């Protein structure tokens, strides 16, 4: 995932498990508890990759 200009997040088009391109394209991860669905417009906890390296 990556943040967009409006403060939302965007999904990489191909969500297959073998696609590493999405890791290079993105700038972070959404921390989502198991079994918790996310709908458009929901607030999520977004963790920047740069925070993980800090």
C-alpha atoms as a PDB file:
ATOM      1  CA  UNK A   1       0.000   0.000   0.000  1.00  0.00           C
ATOM      2  CA  UNK A   2       0.993   3.579  -0.335  1.00  0.00           C
ATOM      3  CA  UNK A   3      -0.426   6.889   0.758  1.00  0.00           C
ATOM      4  CA  UNK A   4      -2.013   9.110  -1.845  1.00  0.00           C
ATOM      5  CA  UNK A   5      -2.202  12.907  -2.080  1.00  0.00           C
ATOM      6  CA  UNK A   6      -5.512  13.048  -0.187  1.00  0.00           C
ATOM      7  CA  UNK A   7      -4.229  11.077   2.825  1.00  0.00           C
ATOM      8  CA  UNK A   8      -5.867   7.818   1.794  1.00  0.00           C
ATOM      9  CA  UNK A   9      -4.159   4.582   0.865  1.00  0.00           C
ATOM     10  CA  UNK A  10      -3.992   2.787  -2.478  1.00  0.00           C
ATOM     11  CA  UNK A  11      -3.753  -0.941  -3.132  1.00  0.00           C
ATOM     12  CA  UNK A  12      -1.366  -2.314  -5.730  1.00  0.00           C
ATOM     13  CA  UNK A  13      -3.437  -3.697  -8.616  1.00  0.00           C
ATOM     14  CA  UNK A  14      -2.044  -7.265  -8.382  1.00  0.00           C
ATOM     15  CA  UNK A  15      -2.543  -8.665  -4.858  1.00  0.00           C
ATOM     16  CA  UNK A  16      -1.063 -12.129  -5.574  1.00  0.00           C
ATOM     17  CA  UNK A  17       1.140 -13.632  -2.867  1.00  0.00           C
ATOM     18  CA  UNK A  18       4.100 -14.019  -5.228  1.00  0.00           C
ATOM     19  CA  UNK A  19       4.247 -10.385  -6.329  1.00  0.00           C
ATOM     20  CA  UNK A  20       7.208  -8.513  -4.830  1.00  0.00           C
ATOM     21  CA  UNK A  21       6.566  -5.493  -7.028  1.00  0.00           C
ATOM     22  CA  UNK A  22       3.918  -4.337  -4.548  1.00  0.00           C
ATOM     23  CA  UNK A  23       6.546  -4.139  -1.772  1.00  0.00           C
ATOM     24  CA  UNK A  24       8.729  -1.862  -3.894  1.00  0.00           C
ATOM     25  CA  UNK A  25       5.752   0.219  -5.049  1.00  0.00           C
ATOM     26  CA  UNK A  26       4.335   0.744  -1.573  1.00  0.00           C
ATOM     27  CA  UNK A  27       5.564   2.915   1.265  1.00  0.00           C
ATOM     28  CA  UNK A  28       3.971   1.099   4.195  1.00  0.00           C
ATOM     29  CA  UNK A  29       1.580  -1.476   5.631  1.00  0.00           C
ATOM     30  CA  UNK A  30      -1.883  -1.392   7.162  1.00  0.00           C
ATOM     31  CA  UNK A  31      -1.972  -2.997  10.614  1.00  0.00           C
ATOM     32  CA  UNK A  32      -5.303  -4.818  10.436  1.00  0.00           C
ATOM     33  CA  UNK A  33      -6.436  -7.326  13.091  1.00  0.00           C
ATOM     34  CA  UNK A  34      -7.420 -10.805  11.823  1.00  0.00           C
ATOM     35  CA  UNK A  35     -11.046 -11.052  10.757  1.00  0.00           C
ATOM     36  CA  UNK A  36     -11.533  -7.270  10.660  1.00  0.00           C
ATOM     37  CA  UNK A  37     -12.981  -6.137   7.330  1.00  0.00           C
ATOM     38  CA  UNK A  38     -12.008  -2.752   5.903  1.00  0.00           C
ATOM     39  CA  UNK A  39     -14.485  -0.779   3.808  1.00  0.00           C
ATOM     40  CA  UNK A  40     -13.757   2.240   1.622  1.00  0.00           C
ATOM     41  CA  UNK A  41     -13.618   5.320   3.839  1.00  0.00           C
ATOM     42  CA  UNK A  42     -12.669   3.430   7.032  1.00  0.00           C
ATOM     43  CA  UNK A  43      -9.803   4.787   9.130  1.00  0.00           C
ATOM     44  CA  UNK A  44      -6.869   2.357   9.342  1.00  0.00           C
ATOM     45  CA  UNK A  45      -3.544   2.219  11.194  1.00  0.00           C
ATOM     46  CA  UNK A  46      -0.931   2.779   8.472  1.00  0.00           C
ATOM     47  CA  UNK A  47       2.721   2.040   9.319  1.00  0.00           C
ATOM     48  CA  UNK A  48       5.340   3.647   7.080  1.00  0.00           C
ATOM     49  CA  UNK A  49       8.287   1.451   6.112  1.00  0.00           C
ATOM     50  CA  UNK A  50      10.561   4.307   7.203  1.00  0.00           C
ATOM     51  CA  UNK A  51       9.143   4.013  10.755  1.00  0.00           C
ATOM     52  CA  UNK A  52      10.050   0.313  10.835  1.00  0.00           C
ATOM     53  CA  UNK A  53      13.667   1.120   9.954  1.00  0.00           C
ATOM     54  CA  UNK A  54      13.940   4.035  12.395  1.00  0.00           C
END
